[in-house]
Protein backbone atom coordinates (compact mmCIF):
# COMPACT_ATOMS: atom_id res chain seq x y z
CA UNK A 1 -10.39 -3.69 37.67
CA UNK A 2 -13.57 -1.54 36.98
CA UNK A 3 -15.59 -1.64 33.93
CA UNK A 4 -14.51 1.90 32.87
CA UNK A 5 -10.78 0.42 33.63
CA UNK A 6 -11.46 -2.40 31.23
CA UNK A 7 -12.32 -0.44 28.19
CA UNK A 8 -9.06 1.15 27.56
CA UNK A 9 -6.88 -2.13 27.53
CA UNK A 10 -9.72 -4.51 25.77
CA UNK A 11 -11.16 -1.91 23.21
CA UNK A 12 -9.23 1.36 22.63
CA UNK A 13 -5.70 0.37 23.14
CA UNK A 14 -5.93 -2.55 20.60
CA UNK A 15 -7.41 -0.26 18.02
CA UNK A 16 -4.92 2.84 18.93
CA UNK A 17 -2.15 0.15 18.05
CA UNK A 18 -3.23 -0.66 14.77
CA UNK A 19 -4.49 2.74 13.64
CA UNK A 20 -0.88 3.81 15.16
CA UNK A 21 1.09 0.94 13.22
CA UNK A 22 -0.23 1.47 9.81
CA UNK A 23 0.38 4.91 9.98
CA UNK A 24 4.18 4.39 10.96
CA UNK A 25 4.50 1.71 8.02
CA UNK A 26 3.18 4.08 5.79
CA UNK A 27 5.43 7.00 6.59
CA UNK A 28 8.33 4.78 7.20
CA UNK A 29 7.88 2.76 4.22
CA UNK A 30 10.84 4.72 2.70
CA UNK A 31 13.25 3.54 5.06
CA UNK A 32 11.41 0.25 5.20
CA UNK A 33 12.42 -0.47 1.35
CA UNK A 34 15.76 0.98 1.64
CA UNK A 35 16.54 -1.23 4.84
CA UNK A 36 15.13 -4.41 2.87
CA UNK A 37 17.21 -3.46 -0.15
CA UNK A 38 20.46 -3.01 1.67
CA UNK A 39 20.24 -5.81 3.74
CA UNK A 40 19.45 -7.81 0.95
CA UNK A 41 22.56 -6.94 -0.61
CA UNK A 42 24.50 -7.25 2.68
CA UNK A 43 23.20 -10.54 4.04
CA UNK A 44 22.88 -12.38 0.25
CA UNK A 45 18.73 -12.40 -0.04
CA UNK A 46 18.42 -12.69 3.96
CA UNK A 47 16.45 -9.77 5.16
CA UNK A 48 13.90 -10.62 8.08
CA UNK A 49 14.98 -12.70 11.32
CA UNK A 50 12.33 -14.78 12.69
CA UNK A 51 12.00 -16.03 16.20
CA UNK A 52 9.28 -17.87 18.23
CA UNK A 53 8.39 -15.61 21.37
CA UNK A 54 5.80 -16.11 23.99
CA UNK A 55 3.03 -13.36 23.99
CA UNK A 56 -0.05 -12.70 25.96
CA UNK A 57 -1.57 -16.02 27.99
CA UNK A 58 1.63 -17.37 26.81
CA UNK A 59 0.55 -17.85 23.31
CA UNK A 60 3.83 -18.53 20.99
CA UNK A 61 4.34 -16.30 17.84
CA UNK A 62 6.96 -15.46 15.49
CA UNK A 63 8.42 -11.99 15.87
CA UNK A 64 9.84 -9.87 13.01
CA UNK A 65 12.91 -8.33 13.25
CA UNK A 66 15.46 -6.68 10.66
CA UNK A 67 18.15 -9.40 10.29
CA UNK A 68 21.50 -7.59 11.92
CA UNK A 69 23.91 -10.82 12.21
CA UNK A 70 26.18 -11.82 9.66
CA UNK A 71 25.45 -15.07 7.95
CA UNK A 72 28.65 -16.51 9.21
CA UNK A 73 30.29 -17.03 12.37
CA UNK A 74 33.43 -15.96 13.95
CA UNK A 75 35.38 -17.47 16.72
CA UNK A 76 31.82 -19.29 17.18
CA UNK A 77 30.11 -16.10 17.77
CA UNK A 78 27.69 -14.64 15.23
CA UNK A 79 28.98 -11.04 14.69
CA UNK A 80 26.73 -8.33 13.81
CA UNK A 81 26.89 -6.63 10.31
CA UNK A 82 28.20 -2.86 9.85
CA UNK A 83 24.91 -2.02 8.67
CA UNK A 84 23.07 -3.90 11.01
CA UNK A 85 24.82 -2.40 14.37
CA UNK A 86 23.53 0.85 12.52
CA UNK A 87 19.91 -0.38 12.62
CA UNK A 88 20.29 -1.33 16.28
CA UNK A 89 21.55 1.95 17.12
CA UNK A 90 19.12 3.80 15.94
CA UNK A 91 16.22 0.95 16.72
CA UNK A 92 15.10 0.62 13.04
CA UNK A 93 15.81 -3.16 13.07
CA UNK A 94 12.34 -3.37 15.50
CA UNK A 95 10.31 -1.79 12.73
CA UNK A 96 9.04 -5.12 11.19
CA UNK A 97 7.38 -5.76 14.42
CA UNK A 98 4.92 -3.21 13.34
CA UNK A 99 3.59 -6.14 11.35
CA UNK A 100 2.99 -8.18 14.33
CA UNK A 101 1.22 -5.29 16.04
CA UNK A 102 -1.44 -5.31 13.22
CA UNK A 103 -2.07 -9.02 13.39
CA UNK A 104 -2.56 -8.55 16.91
CA UNK A 105 0.39 -10.44 18.23
CA UNK A 106 2.14 -7.42 19.80
CA UNK A 107 1.15 -3.96 21.18
CA UNK A 108 3.52 -0.79 20.63
CA UNK A 109 3.63 -0.60 24.47
CA UNK A 110 4.00 -3.78 27.04
CA UNK A 111 6.54 -6.39 28.00
CA UNK A 112 9.13 -7.25 25.67
CA UNK A 113 8.28 -10.48 24.06
CA UNK A 114 11.01 -13.02 25.91
CA UNK A 115 12.07 -16.66 24.54
CA UNK A 116 9.43 -19.47 25.03
CA UNK A 117 11.82 -21.63 26.96
CA UNK A 118 11.73 -18.87 29.78
CA UNK A 119 7.82 -19.42 30.50
CA UNK A 120 8.31 -22.60 32.69
CA UNK A 121 10.95 -20.88 35.00
CA UNK A 122 8.92 -17.84 35.90
CA UNK A 123 7.48 -17.78 39.41
CA UNK A 124 4.12 -16.24 40.36
CA UNK A 125 4.84 -12.76 40.62
CA UNK A 126 6.72 -12.49 37.07
CA UNK A 127 4.17 -14.53 35.11
CA UNK A 128 1.93 -11.52 35.69
CA UNK A 129 3.91 -9.96 32.55
CA UNK A 130 2.04 -12.23 30.32
CA UNK A 131 -1.22 -11.13 31.25
CA UNK A 132 -0.99 -8.51 28.38
CA UNK A 133 -0.05 -8.27 25.18
CA UNK A 134 4.05 -7.89 24.60
CA UNK A 135 5.17 -4.52 23.10
CA UNK A 136 7.83 -2.92 20.84
CA UNK A 137 8.44 -0.71 23.84
CA UNK A 138 7.35 -0.52 27.31
CA UNK A 139 7.81 0.78 31.30
CA UNK A 140 11.35 -1.78 31.52
CA UNK A 141 12.65 -0.31 28.22
CA UNK A 142 12.49 3.73 29.20
CA UNK A 143 14.00 2.45 32.75
CA UNK A 144 17.16 1.26 31.49
CA UNK A 145 16.25 -1.33 28.71
CA UNK A 146 18.88 -4.00 28.54
CA UNK A 147 21.08 -2.74 31.19
CA UNK A 148 18.51 -3.32 33.81
CA UNK A 149 19.39 -6.88 35.82
CA UNK A 150 16.16 -9.18 35.37
CA UNK A 151 14.73 -8.73 38.60
CA UNK A 152 14.37 -4.94 37.93
CA UNK A 153 13.13 -5.74 34.17
CA UNK A 154 10.57 -8.00 35.48
CA UNK A 155 9.34 -5.53 38.22
CA UNK A 156 9.07 -3.12 35.74
CA UNK A 157 6.94 -5.51 33.51
CA UNK A 158 4.69 -6.37 36.07
CA UNK A 159 4.19 -2.65 37.42
CA UNK A 160 3.27 -1.68 33.87
CA UNK A 161 0.41 -4.68 33.69
CA UNK A 162 -0.95 -3.58 37.10
CA UNK A 163 -1.08 0.18 36.10
CA UNK A 164 -1.68 -0.06 32.66
CA UNK A 165 -3.78 3.33 31.27
CA UNK A 166 -3.86 5.85 28.29
CA UNK A 167 -1.79 8.03 30.63
CA UNK A 168 1.01 5.52 31.15
CA UNK A 169 1.10 4.86 27.36
CA UNK A 170 1.73 8.40 26.77
CA UNK A 171 4.50 8.63 29.01
CA UNK A 172 6.07 5.61 27.81
CA UNK A 173 5.80 6.95 24.28
CA UNK A 174 7.30 10.06 24.96
CA UNK A 175 9.99 8.61 27.10
CA UNK A 176 11.00 6.28 24.22
CA UNK A 177 10.95 9.16 21.68
CA UNK A 178 13.32 11.03 23.89
CA UNK A 179 15.53 7.81 24.66
CA UNK A 180 15.65 7.13 20.76
CA UNK A 181 16.82 10.84 19.90
CA UNK A 182 19.72 10.38 22.64
CA UNK A 183 20.42 7.05 20.82
CA UNK A 184 20.87 5.86 24.54
CA UNK A 185 21.22 1.95 25.43
CA UNK A 186 20.42 1.32 21.97
CA UNK A 187 22.61 -1.59 21.44
CA UNK A 188 21.13 -4.64 22.89
CA UNK A 189 23.79 -6.59 25.20
CA UNK A 190 21.46 -9.68 26.28
CA UNK A 191 23.94 -11.69 24.74
CA UNK A 192 26.47 -10.58 27.36
CA UNK A 193 24.57 -11.31 30.01
CA UNK A 194 23.24 -13.82 31.73
CA UNK A 195 19.94 -15.62 30.51
CA UNK A 196 16.69 -15.26 32.48
CA UNK A 197 17.00 -19.17 33.32
CA UNK A 198 20.36 -18.48 34.54
CA UNK A 199 19.14 -15.77 36.64
CA UNK A 200 15.99 -17.88 37.74
CA UNK A 201 18.17 -20.59 39.19
CA UNK A 202 20.17 -18.02 41.53
CA UNK A 203 16.87 -16.41 42.73
């Protein structure tokens, strides 16, 4: 990558991320406050969900989300609460990750941060996805989101890392907004699909 091409991902993009994240936190503060109050009521005080994920250069950090699962289990499975389902459908459960962006742990755009235990199962091609900060949205998310199989999602992530640019990020932002307006593929279904570890064993 030439010097000119390095300026955007190393200097411009991190600055843009923090400015936009701060702006969105201010603009979305009424939604954040209302969601916090309602979740505190429905989840008996438990508002946020914390989980360790692998970030850039394999650095582990705690990703933040609004807690959308019920505290109790039904038939051995944790259910999504009604309000939590609404948050997911509108993708509002992701809003707390703006704090991860402000802390420099995530970017607005990049490969989604996956579980730490997946690290040892990546091949040389797939591990390329960890050369950049993980994102709230990304190339894979606007091309099938969680409906795509693992092979396709990894290919999209690596494509993004190899072609990262201001124009590609702008394209992803526009496609993300269009996807949100259509509420398309808004419900997460990872728990219904095979895990990456299961996929890695058969690839």
